[in-house]
């Protein structure tokens, strides 16, 4: 019975990643930046849910997230995003379980499928946001 919320959260995150593989991001607008070259530069601004796996740490705990809604700016193969994601925190904290579901939000920089992220994760026991850093892999 104690594992039911963990199982439901994990299943929901996995299901959202599967859905993200089949849907294209929604384009809000295309921004064209004029330059002196013959070809205009194209920057794409999207609001989407993309399938990704992020692994982060703050030195004490280990965080794994499964993607989520993102506001993303793309230029060629480089993208910058503000991501919010369901997360599992792995941390030995005596009265609490080793694996705790939480939420994370923060910046992410990616090149093609790989990137680095700097999210903050909420710790309900201490009522504070924990800064972290880690690696990201995008499935699409």
N, C-alpha and C. Protein backbone atom coordinates (compact mmCIF):
# COMPACT_ATOMS: atom_id res chain seq x y z
N UNK A 1 0.82 -1.19 0.00
CA UNK A 1 0.00 0.00 0.00
C UNK A 1 0.86 1.26 0.00
N UNK A 2 2.03 1.21 0.65
CA UNK A 2 2.90 2.38 0.68
C UNK A 2 3.51 2.67 -0.69
N UNK A 3 3.63 1.66 -1.52
CA UNK A 3 4.24 1.84 -2.84
C UNK A 3 3.25 2.29 -3.90
N UNK A 4 1.96 2.30 -3.60
CA UNK A 4 0.96 2.67 -4.59
C UNK A 4 1.15 4.10 -5.12
N UNK A 5 1.34 5.14 -4.27
CA UNK A 5 1.56 6.49 -4.83
C UNK A 5 2.83 6.55 -5.69
N UNK A 6 3.88 5.87 -5.27
CA UNK A 6 5.12 5.83 -6.04
C UNK A 6 4.88 5.19 -7.40
N UNK A 7 4.16 4.08 -7.42
CA UNK A 7 3.88 3.37 -8.67
C UNK A 7 3.03 4.23 -9.60
N UNK A 8 2.02 4.91 -9.05
CA UNK A 8 1.15 5.75 -9.86
C UNK A 8 1.91 6.93 -10.45
N UNK A 9 2.78 7.58 -9.66
CA UNK A 9 3.57 8.69 -10.16
C UNK A 9 4.53 8.24 -11.24
N UNK A 10 5.20 7.13 -11.02
CA UNK A 10 6.14 6.61 -12.01
C UNK A 10 5.40 6.24 -13.30
N UNK A 11 4.25 5.60 -13.18
CA UNK A 11 3.47 5.21 -14.36
C UNK A 11 3.01 6.43 -15.14
N UNK A 12 2.56 7.47 -14.44
CA UNK A 12 2.12 8.69 -15.11
C UNK A 12 3.29 9.35 -15.85
N UNK A 13 4.46 9.45 -15.21
CA UNK A 13 5.63 10.04 -15.86
C UNK A 13 6.05 9.25 -17.08
N UNK A 14 6.05 7.93 -16.97
CA UNK A 14 6.42 7.08 -18.10
C UNK A 14 5.41 7.23 -19.24
N UNK A 15 4.12 7.27 -18.91
CA UNK A 15 3.07 7.42 -19.91
C UNK A 15 3.20 8.76 -20.64
N UNK A 16 3.53 9.84 -19.91
CA UNK A 16 3.70 11.15 -20.54
C UNK A 16 4.89 11.15 -21.49
N UNK A 17 5.96 10.42 -21.16
CA UNK A 17 7.10 10.33 -22.06
C UNK A 17 6.73 9.60 -23.34
N UNK A 18 5.92 8.56 -23.23
CA UNK A 18 5.48 7.83 -24.41
C UNK A 18 4.64 8.74 -25.30
N UNK A 19 3.72 9.50 -24.70
CA UNK A 19 2.89 10.42 -25.48
C UNK A 19 3.72 11.50 -26.15
N UNK A 20 4.75 11.97 -25.47
CA UNK A 20 5.58 13.05 -26.02
C UNK A 20 6.31 12.59 -27.28
N UNK A 21 6.54 11.31 -27.43
CA UNK A 21 7.24 10.82 -28.61
C UNK A 21 6.37 10.88 -29.86
N UNK A 22 5.06 10.86 -29.70
CA UNK A 22 4.16 10.81 -30.84
C UNK A 22 3.61 12.16 -31.24
N UNK A 23 3.76 13.18 -30.41
CA UNK A 23 3.20 14.48 -30.71
C UNK A 23 4.29 15.47 -31.05
N UNK A 24 4.00 16.36 -31.98
CA UNK A 24 4.94 17.42 -32.31
C UNK A 24 4.65 18.62 -31.41
N UNK A 25 5.70 19.37 -31.04
CA UNK A 25 5.47 20.53 -30.19
C UNK A 25 4.59 21.58 -30.89
N UNK A 26 3.85 22.30 -30.11
CA UNK A 26 2.98 23.34 -30.63
C UNK A 26 3.80 24.61 -30.84
N UNK A 27 3.80 25.13 -32.05
CA UNK A 27 4.53 26.36 -32.31
C UNK A 27 3.66 27.55 -31.92
N UNK A 28 4.18 28.39 -31.09
CA UNK A 28 3.46 29.59 -30.71
C UNK A 28 3.71 30.68 -31.75
N UNK A 29 4.96 30.85 -32.13
CA UNK A 29 5.28 31.83 -33.15
C UNK A 29 6.68 31.56 -33.69
N UNK A 30 6.95 32.03 -34.85
CA UNK A 30 8.28 31.99 -35.43
C UNK A 30 8.83 33.40 -35.40
N UNK A 31 10.04 33.54 -34.94
CA UNK A 31 10.68 34.83 -34.88
C UNK A 31 11.83 34.83 -35.87
N UNK A 32 11.82 35.78 -36.77
CA UNK A 32 12.90 35.90 -37.74
C UNK A 32 13.76 37.10 -37.37
N UNK A 33 15.06 36.86 -37.25
CA UNK A 33 16.00 37.90 -36.91
C UNK A 33 16.73 38.29 -38.19
N UNK A 34 16.69 39.57 -38.53
CA UNK A 34 17.34 40.01 -39.76
C UNK A 34 18.83 40.17 -39.52
N UNK A 35 19.61 39.85 -40.54
CA UNK A 35 21.05 40.01 -40.48
C UNK A 35 21.56 40.47 -41.84
N UNK A 36 22.87 40.64 -41.96
CA UNK A 36 23.45 41.14 -43.21
C UNK A 36 23.69 40.02 -44.21
N UNK A 37 23.54 38.77 -43.81
CA UNK A 37 23.73 37.66 -44.74
C UNK A 37 22.49 37.49 -45.59
N UNK A 38 22.61 36.68 -46.63
CA UNK A 38 21.48 36.48 -47.54
C UNK A 38 20.37 35.63 -46.93
N UNK A 39 20.70 34.70 -46.01
CA UNK A 39 19.70 33.86 -45.38
C UNK A 39 19.30 34.44 -44.02
N UNK A 40 17.99 34.55 -43.76
CA UNK A 40 17.58 35.03 -42.44
C UNK A 40 17.79 33.93 -41.38
N UNK A 41 18.13 34.35 -40.17
CA UNK A 41 18.27 33.43 -39.05
C UNK A 41 16.87 33.09 -38.55
N UNK A 42 16.66 31.85 -38.15
CA UNK A 42 15.34 31.45 -37.69
C UNK A 42 15.43 30.91 -36.27
N UNK A 43 14.68 31.52 -35.39
CA UNK A 43 14.58 31.07 -34.01
C UNK A 43 13.16 30.60 -33.79
N UNK A 44 13.01 29.45 -33.16
CA UNK A 44 11.69 28.86 -32.95
C UNK A 44 11.37 28.88 -31.47
N UNK A 45 10.18 29.35 -31.13
CA UNK A 45 9.70 29.40 -29.76
C UNK A 45 8.55 28.41 -29.62
N UNK A 46 8.67 27.42 -28.71
CA UNK A 46 7.62 26.41 -28.57
C UNK A 46 7.22 26.22 -27.11
N UNK A 47 6.00 25.75 -26.95
CA UNK A 47 5.49 25.32 -25.65
C UNK A 47 5.10 23.87 -25.84
N UNK A 48 5.80 22.94 -25.15
CA UNK A 48 5.60 21.54 -25.47
C UNK A 48 5.87 20.64 -24.27
N UNK A 49 5.50 19.38 -24.44
CA UNK A 49 5.88 18.31 -23.52
C UNK A 49 6.76 17.36 -24.33
N UNK A 50 8.01 17.25 -23.95
CA UNK A 50 8.95 16.41 -24.69
C UNK A 50 9.41 15.26 -23.81
N UNK A 51 9.66 14.12 -24.44
CA UNK A 51 10.17 12.98 -23.72
C UNK A 51 11.63 13.17 -23.40
N UNK A 52 11.96 13.14 -22.14
CA UNK A 52 13.35 13.32 -21.74
C UNK A 52 13.59 12.63 -20.40
N UNK A 53 14.84 12.38 -20.13
CA UNK A 53 15.26 11.81 -18.86
C UNK A 53 16.36 12.69 -18.30
N UNK A 54 16.18 13.16 -17.08
CA UNK A 54 17.18 14.01 -16.44
C UNK A 54 17.68 13.35 -15.17
N UNK A 55 18.99 13.45 -14.94
CA UNK A 55 19.63 12.91 -13.73
C UNK A 55 20.40 14.05 -13.09
N UNK A 56 20.07 14.37 -11.83
CA UNK A 56 20.63 15.53 -11.16
C UNK A 56 21.10 15.17 -9.75
N UNK A 57 21.96 16.02 -9.20
CA UNK A 57 22.39 15.85 -7.82
C UNK A 57 22.69 17.20 -7.20
N UNK A 58 22.60 17.26 -5.87
CA UNK A 58 23.00 18.45 -5.13
C UNK A 58 24.13 18.11 -4.16
N UNK A 59 24.71 16.93 -4.29
CA UNK A 59 25.77 16.49 -3.41
C UNK A 59 25.27 15.57 -2.31
N UNK A 60 24.02 15.72 -1.89
CA UNK A 60 23.44 14.88 -0.84
C UNK A 60 22.43 13.88 -1.40
N UNK A 61 21.64 14.33 -2.33
CA UNK A 61 20.56 13.50 -2.88
C UNK A 61 20.75 13.32 -4.38
N UNK A 62 20.00 12.38 -4.92
CA UNK A 62 20.06 12.02 -6.34
C UNK A 62 18.63 12.16 -6.88
N UNK A 63 18.44 12.88 -7.98
CA UNK A 63 17.12 13.15 -8.52
C UNK A 63 17.03 12.60 -9.95
N UNK A 64 15.90 11.96 -10.28
CA UNK A 64 15.64 11.47 -11.64
C UNK A 64 14.29 12.02 -12.07
N UNK A 65 14.25 12.73 -13.21
CA UNK A 65 12.96 13.22 -13.68
C UNK A 65 12.67 12.72 -15.08
N UNK A 66 11.40 12.81 -15.46
CA UNK A 66 10.90 12.18 -16.68
C UNK A 66 10.32 13.17 -17.67
N UNK A 67 10.79 14.39 -17.67
CA UNK A 67 10.27 15.38 -18.61
C UNK A 67 8.97 15.97 -18.13
N UNK A 68 8.50 16.94 -18.85
CA UNK A 68 7.28 17.62 -18.48
C UNK A 68 7.07 18.81 -19.38
N UNK A 69 6.15 19.70 -19.03
CA UNK A 69 5.92 20.86 -19.87
C UNK A 69 7.15 21.77 -19.88
N UNK A 70 7.41 22.36 -21.05
CA UNK A 70 8.58 23.22 -21.21
C UNK A 70 8.26 24.39 -22.13
N UNK A 71 8.83 25.51 -21.83
CA UNK A 71 8.83 26.66 -22.73
C UNK A 71 10.24 26.69 -23.30
N UNK A 72 10.34 26.48 -24.62
CA UNK A 72 11.64 26.23 -25.25
C UNK A 72 11.88 27.22 -26.38
N UNK A 73 13.12 27.70 -26.46
CA UNK A 73 13.58 28.52 -27.57
C UNK A 73 14.67 27.74 -28.28
N UNK A 74 14.48 27.53 -29.61
CA UNK A 74 15.44 26.75 -30.39
C UNK A 74 16.08 27.63 -31.44
N UNK A 75 17.37 27.41 -31.64
CA UNK A 75 18.10 28.01 -32.74
C UNK A 75 18.98 26.93 -33.33
N UNK A 76 18.65 26.46 -34.52
CA UNK A 76 19.32 25.35 -35.17
C UNK A 76 19.26 24.12 -34.26
N UNK A 77 20.40 23.63 -33.77
CA UNK A 77 20.42 22.41 -32.94
C UNK A 77 20.56 22.70 -31.45
N UNK A 78 20.57 23.96 -31.08
CA UNK A 78 20.73 24.36 -29.69
C UNK A 78 19.38 24.84 -29.16
N UNK A 79 19.06 24.47 -27.93
CA UNK A 79 17.82 24.97 -27.33
C UNK A 79 18.04 25.34 -25.87
N UNK A 80 17.21 26.26 -25.42
CA UNK A 80 17.22 26.76 -24.05
C UNK A 80 15.77 26.66 -23.57
N UNK A 81 15.55 26.11 -22.38
CA UNK A 81 14.17 25.89 -21.93
C UNK A 81 14.02 26.10 -20.44
N UNK A 82 12.79 26.43 -20.06
CA UNK A 82 12.37 26.39 -18.66
C UNK A 82 11.45 25.18 -18.56
N UNK A 83 11.86 24.18 -17.77
CA UNK A 83 11.18 22.88 -17.71
C UNK A 83 10.60 22.66 -16.31
N UNK A 84 9.43 22.06 -16.25
CA UNK A 84 8.84 21.60 -14.99
C UNK A 84 8.59 20.10 -15.14
N UNK A 85 9.06 19.31 -14.17
CA UNK A 85 9.01 17.87 -14.36
C UNK A 85 8.71 17.10 -13.08
N UNK A 86 7.93 16.00 -13.21
CA UNK A 86 7.77 15.09 -12.06
C UNK A 86 9.09 14.39 -11.80
N UNK A 87 9.42 14.22 -10.55
CA UNK A 87 10.75 13.74 -10.18
C UNK A 87 10.69 12.73 -9.04
N UNK A 88 11.66 11.84 -9.03
CA UNK A 88 11.88 10.94 -7.89
C UNK A 88 13.18 11.35 -7.21
N UNK A 89 13.12 11.54 -5.89
CA UNK A 89 14.31 11.90 -5.12
C UNK A 89 14.79 10.67 -4.36
N UNK A 90 16.06 10.35 -4.49
CA UNK A 90 16.69 9.23 -3.78
C UNK A 90 17.61 9.83 -2.72
N UNK A 91 17.24 9.64 -1.45
CA UNK A 91 18.02 10.25 -0.38
C UNK A 91 17.73 9.54 0.93
N UNK A 92 18.77 9.21 1.65
CA UNK A 92 18.59 8.57 2.96
C UNK A 92 18.32 9.65 4.00
N UNK A 93 17.09 9.71 4.45
CA UNK A 93 16.65 10.66 5.46
C UNK A 93 15.86 9.85 6.47
N UNK A 94 16.42 9.61 7.63
CA UNK A 94 15.98 8.62 8.61
C UNK A 94 14.47 8.39 8.75
N UNK A 95 13.65 9.38 9.09
CA UNK A 95 12.24 9.04 9.28
C UNK A 95 11.45 8.88 7.99
N UNK A 96 11.96 9.38 6.87
CA UNK A 96 11.23 9.33 5.60
C UNK A 96 11.76 8.21 4.72
N UNK A 97 10.97 7.78 3.72
CA UNK A 97 11.42 6.71 2.83
C UNK A 97 12.59 7.16 1.96
N UNK A 98 13.30 6.19 1.41
CA UNK A 98 14.48 6.44 0.57
C UNK A 98 14.10 7.11 -0.75
N UNK A 99 12.95 6.74 -1.34
CA UNK A 99 12.49 7.30 -2.61
C UNK A 99 11.24 8.13 -2.35
N UNK A 100 11.31 9.41 -2.73
CA UNK A 100 10.19 10.33 -2.50
C UNK A 100 9.85 11.04 -3.81
N UNK A 101 8.57 11.03 -4.23
CA UNK A 101 8.19 11.80 -5.42
C UNK A 101 8.16 13.30 -5.08
N UNK A 102 8.59 14.10 -6.02
CA UNK A 102 8.60 15.55 -5.84
C UNK A 102 8.45 16.21 -7.20
N UNK A 103 8.57 17.51 -7.25
CA UNK A 103 8.49 18.24 -8.51
C UNK A 103 9.74 19.10 -8.65
N UNK A 104 10.18 19.26 -9.90
CA UNK A 104 11.36 20.08 -10.17
C UNK A 104 11.07 21.07 -11.28
N UNK A 105 11.70 22.23 -11.21
CA UNK A 105 11.56 23.23 -12.25
C UNK A 105 12.86 24.01 -12.38
N UNK A 106 13.25 24.33 -13.60
CA UNK A 106 14.48 25.07 -13.80
C UNK A 106 14.90 25.16 -15.25
N UNK A 107 16.10 25.70 -15.47
CA UNK A 107 16.63 25.92 -16.80
C UNK A 107 17.31 24.67 -17.35
N UNK A 108 17.29 24.57 -18.66
CA UNK A 108 17.94 23.44 -19.35
C UNK A 108 18.54 23.95 -20.66
N UNK A 109 19.77 23.56 -20.94
CA UNK A 109 20.45 23.89 -22.19
C UNK A 109 20.74 22.58 -22.91
N UNK A 110 20.32 22.45 -24.17
CA UNK A 110 20.56 21.20 -24.90
C UNK A 110 21.18 21.48 -26.26
N UNK A 111 21.99 20.52 -26.70
CA UNK A 111 22.55 20.50 -28.05
C UNK A 111 22.20 19.14 -28.63
N UNK A 112 21.40 19.14 -29.69
CA UNK A 112 20.85 17.92 -30.27
C UNK A 112 20.06 17.18 -29.21
N UNK A 113 20.53 16.03 -28.74
CA UNK A 113 19.77 15.24 -27.75
C UNK A 113 20.33 15.31 -26.32
N UNK A 114 21.51 15.87 -26.15
CA UNK A 114 22.15 15.90 -24.84
C UNK A 114 22.19 17.32 -24.28
N UNK A 115 22.15 17.42 -22.97
CA UNK A 115 22.18 18.75 -22.38
C UNK A 115 22.52 18.74 -20.91
N UNK A 116 22.54 19.94 -20.36
CA UNK A 116 22.75 20.10 -18.92
C UNK A 116 21.56 20.89 -18.37
N UNK A 117 21.23 20.62 -17.13
CA UNK A 117 20.10 21.28 -16.50
C UNK A 117 20.45 21.77 -15.12
N UNK A 118 19.77 22.83 -14.71
CA UNK A 118 19.97 23.42 -13.39
C UNK A 118 18.61 23.64 -12.72
N UNK A 119 17.91 22.54 -12.40
CA UNK A 119 16.58 22.69 -11.79
C UNK A 119 16.65 22.87 -10.27
N UNK A 120 15.52 23.29 -9.73
CA UNK A 120 15.31 23.37 -8.29
C UNK A 120 14.22 22.37 -7.96
N UNK A 121 14.41 21.61 -6.88
CA UNK A 121 13.44 20.62 -6.45
C UNK A 121 12.90 21.00 -5.08
N UNK A 122 11.60 20.79 -4.90
CA UNK A 122 10.95 21.18 -3.66
C UNK A 122 11.10 20.10 -2.60
N UNK A 123 11.52 20.48 -1.41
CA UNK A 123 11.64 19.58 -0.27
C UNK A 123 10.55 19.98 0.73
N UNK A 124 9.46 19.19 0.78
CA UNK A 124 8.32 19.52 1.63
C UNK A 124 8.66 19.44 3.11
N UNK A 125 9.59 18.54 3.49
CA UNK A 125 9.94 18.39 4.91
C UNK A 125 10.61 19.66 5.44
N UNK A 126 11.42 20.31 4.62
CA UNK A 126 12.14 21.52 5.05
C UNK A 126 11.46 22.79 4.53
N UNK A 127 10.44 22.63 3.68
CA UNK A 127 9.74 23.75 3.07
C UNK A 127 10.70 24.69 2.34
N UNK A 128 11.56 24.09 1.48
CA UNK A 128 12.53 24.88 0.73
C UNK A 128 12.79 24.25 -0.64
N UNK A 129 13.34 25.04 -1.55
CA UNK A 129 13.73 24.58 -2.88
C UNK A 129 15.22 24.27 -2.87
N UNK A 130 15.59 23.09 -3.40
CA UNK A 130 16.98 22.64 -3.43
C UNK A 130 17.58 22.85 -4.82
N UNK A 131 18.65 23.64 -4.97
CA UNK A 131 19.29 23.80 -6.28
C UNK A 131 20.13 22.56 -6.62
N UNK A 132 20.10 22.15 -7.89
CA UNK A 132 20.86 20.99 -8.35
C UNK A 132 21.45 21.26 -9.73
N UNK A 133 22.25 20.32 -10.19
CA UNK A 133 22.81 20.37 -11.55
C UNK A 133 22.93 18.94 -12.04
N UNK A 134 22.79 18.75 -13.36
CA UNK A 134 22.89 17.39 -13.90
C UNK A 134 22.79 17.33 -15.40
N UNK A 135 22.62 16.12 -15.90
CA UNK A 135 22.60 15.84 -17.33
C UNK A 135 21.20 15.47 -17.80
N UNK A 136 20.94 15.77 -19.10
CA UNK A 136 19.62 15.54 -19.70
C UNK A 136 19.81 14.79 -21.01
N UNK A 137 18.91 13.84 -21.27
CA UNK A 137 18.87 13.17 -22.57
C UNK A 137 17.45 13.29 -23.11
N UNK A 138 17.30 13.85 -24.32
CA UNK A 138 16.00 13.98 -24.96
C UNK A 138 15.80 12.80 -25.90
N UNK A 139 14.63 12.16 -25.86
CA UNK A 139 14.35 10.99 -26.68
C UNK A 139 14.03 11.35 -28.12
N UNK A 140 13.60 12.56 -28.38
CA UNK A 140 13.18 12.94 -29.72
C UNK A 140 14.09 13.97 -30.32
